[in-house]
Amino acid sequence: MHQPLAPLLFPEYRRRVLAPLLLRPEVLLVGEAGFRDVVEALYPTQSALGREVNPKVFGIEEFADKAHSEPFLRDVLSRPKIFLIGNAHQLEELAGHQP
C-alpha cells in the first residue's frame, strides 16, 4: 500500500473558496479569553497572512444570551463556517440548541 506523498489543494478550489476567506478573515472565539489576549495571539497569523484578522470575542454566557438576538451572531450561526477548534455541535450547544 502506497502512502500519500502530500496533501494539496487544487488551484481552482483555492481561488474560489479560500481566497475570499482570506480577504477579510474574521475569527469568532467563544470562551474565557480576553479580547487583548486574542489580538496578541493572532499577531503571528496576521503577519503570515499579511492582513488584519478581525476577532469577535464572546464569553460563554454572553454568547448564549446573544446568539438568538444579535444580528451578527444569528448570521454567523446560519452560514457555513470553518472550525479552527471545536465543531458545529459544540457551537450549537453553546448557543443553547441542545439536541
Protein backbone atom coordinates (compact mmCIF):
# COMPACT_ATOMS: atom_id res chain seq x y z
CA MET A 1 0.00 0.00 0.00
CA HIS A 2 1.38 3.39 -1.00
CA GLN A 3 1.34 6.33 1.37
CA PRO A 4 0.11 9.66 0.01
CA LEU A 5 3.02 11.89 -0.98
CA ALA A 6 1.46 15.19 0.00
CA PRO A 7 -1.94 16.66 0.66
CA LEU A 8 -2.73 19.55 -1.63
CA LEU A 9 -5.42 21.98 -2.60
CA PHE A 10 -6.25 22.33 -6.24
CA PRO A 11 -5.72 25.90 -7.52
CA GLU A 12 -9.39 26.23 -8.56
CA TYR A 13 -10.56 25.35 -5.04
CA ARG A 14 -8.03 27.71 -3.52
CA ARG A 15 -9.12 30.54 -5.83
CA ARG A 16 -12.89 30.05 -5.47
CA VAL A 17 -13.19 29.03 -1.83
CA LEU A 18 -10.18 30.07 0.20
CA ALA A 19 -9.22 33.37 -1.45
CA PRO A 20 -12.44 35.19 -0.46
CA LEU A 21 -12.00 34.00 3.13
CA LEU A 22 -8.53 35.49 3.28
CA LEU A 23 -9.59 38.91 2.00
CA ARG A 24 -11.11 39.80 5.36
CA PRO A 25 -10.54 36.96 7.78
CA GLU A 26 -12.70 37.01 10.89
CA VAL A 27 -12.44 34.73 13.90
CA LEU A 28 -15.26 34.08 16.37
CA LEU A 29 -14.00 32.96 19.75
CA VAL A 30 -16.36 31.79 22.49
CA GLY A 31 -14.62 31.26 25.79
CA GLU A 32 -12.92 32.95 28.68
CA ALA A 33 -10.06 34.68 26.83
CA GLY A 34 -9.99 38.45 26.85
CA PHE A 35 -10.05 40.49 23.65
CA ARG A 36 -6.49 41.77 24.15
CA ASP A 37 -5.15 38.22 24.66
CA VAL A 38 -6.88 37.07 21.47
CA VAL A 39 -5.49 40.00 19.45
CA GLU A 40 -1.99 39.29 20.74
CA ALA A 41 -2.33 35.58 19.94
CA LEU A 42 -3.37 36.47 16.37
CA TYR A 43 -0.29 38.63 15.64
CA PRO A 44 1.69 35.73 14.07
CA THR A 45 -1.30 34.80 11.90
CA GLN A 46 -1.73 38.38 10.75
CA SER A 47 1.96 38.54 9.85
CA ALA A 48 1.77 35.28 7.90
CA LEU A 49 -1.37 36.37 6.02
CA GLY A 50 -0.22 39.95 5.52
CA ARG A 51 -3.66 41.15 6.66
CA GLU A 52 -5.51 42.07 9.79
CA VAL A 53 -7.57 39.30 11.35
CA ASN A 54 -10.75 40.61 12.96
CA PRO A 55 -11.60 38.72 16.16
CA LYS A 56 -15.07 38.69 17.69
CA VAL A 57 -14.76 37.53 21.30
CA PHE A 58 -17.68 36.42 23.47
CA GLY A 59 -17.78 34.90 26.93
CA ILE A 60 -19.74 31.66 27.16
CA GLU A 61 -22.74 33.18 28.94
CA GLU A 62 -22.68 36.31 26.76
CA PHE A 63 -22.70 34.15 23.63
CA ALA A 64 -25.62 32.07 24.88
CA ASP A 65 -27.56 35.23 25.79
CA LYS A 66 -26.94 36.97 22.45
CA ALA A 67 -26.87 34.04 19.99
CA HIS A 68 -30.52 34.45 19.03
CA SER A 69 -30.94 38.20 19.41
CA GLU A 70 -27.81 39.79 17.96
CA PRO A 71 -27.97 40.02 14.14
CA PHE A 72 -24.24 39.35 13.71
CA LEU A 73 -24.41 36.11 15.68
CA ARG A 74 -27.63 34.95 14.01
CA ASP A 75 -25.91 35.49 10.66
CA VAL A 76 -22.78 33.59 11.73
CA LEU A 77 -24.82 30.69 13.07
CA SER A 78 -26.85 30.43 9.86
CA ARG A 79 -23.90 30.37 7.42
CA PRO A 80 -21.22 27.80 6.62
CA LYS A 81 -18.20 28.01 8.90
CA ILE A 82 -14.68 26.67 9.07
CA PHE A 83 -13.96 25.47 12.61
CA LEU A 84 -10.43 26.03 13.84
CA ILE A 85 -11.27 24.36 17.17
CA GLY A 86 -14.47 22.55 18.03
CA ASN A 87 -17.34 21.66 15.75
CA ALA A 88 -20.89 22.61 14.78
CA HIS A 89 -22.44 20.51 17.53
CA GLN A 90 -20.39 22.26 20.23
CA LEU A 91 -21.26 25.68 18.83
CA GLU A 92 -24.96 24.83 18.81
CA GLU A 93 -24.73 23.66 22.43
CA LEU A 94 -23.07 26.94 23.42
CA ALA A 95 -25.83 28.83 21.63
CA GLY A 96 -28.47 26.90 23.54
CA HIS A 97 -29.58 24.49 20.79
CA GLN A 98 -29.48 21.39 22.96
CA PRO A 99 -30.24 18.24 20.91
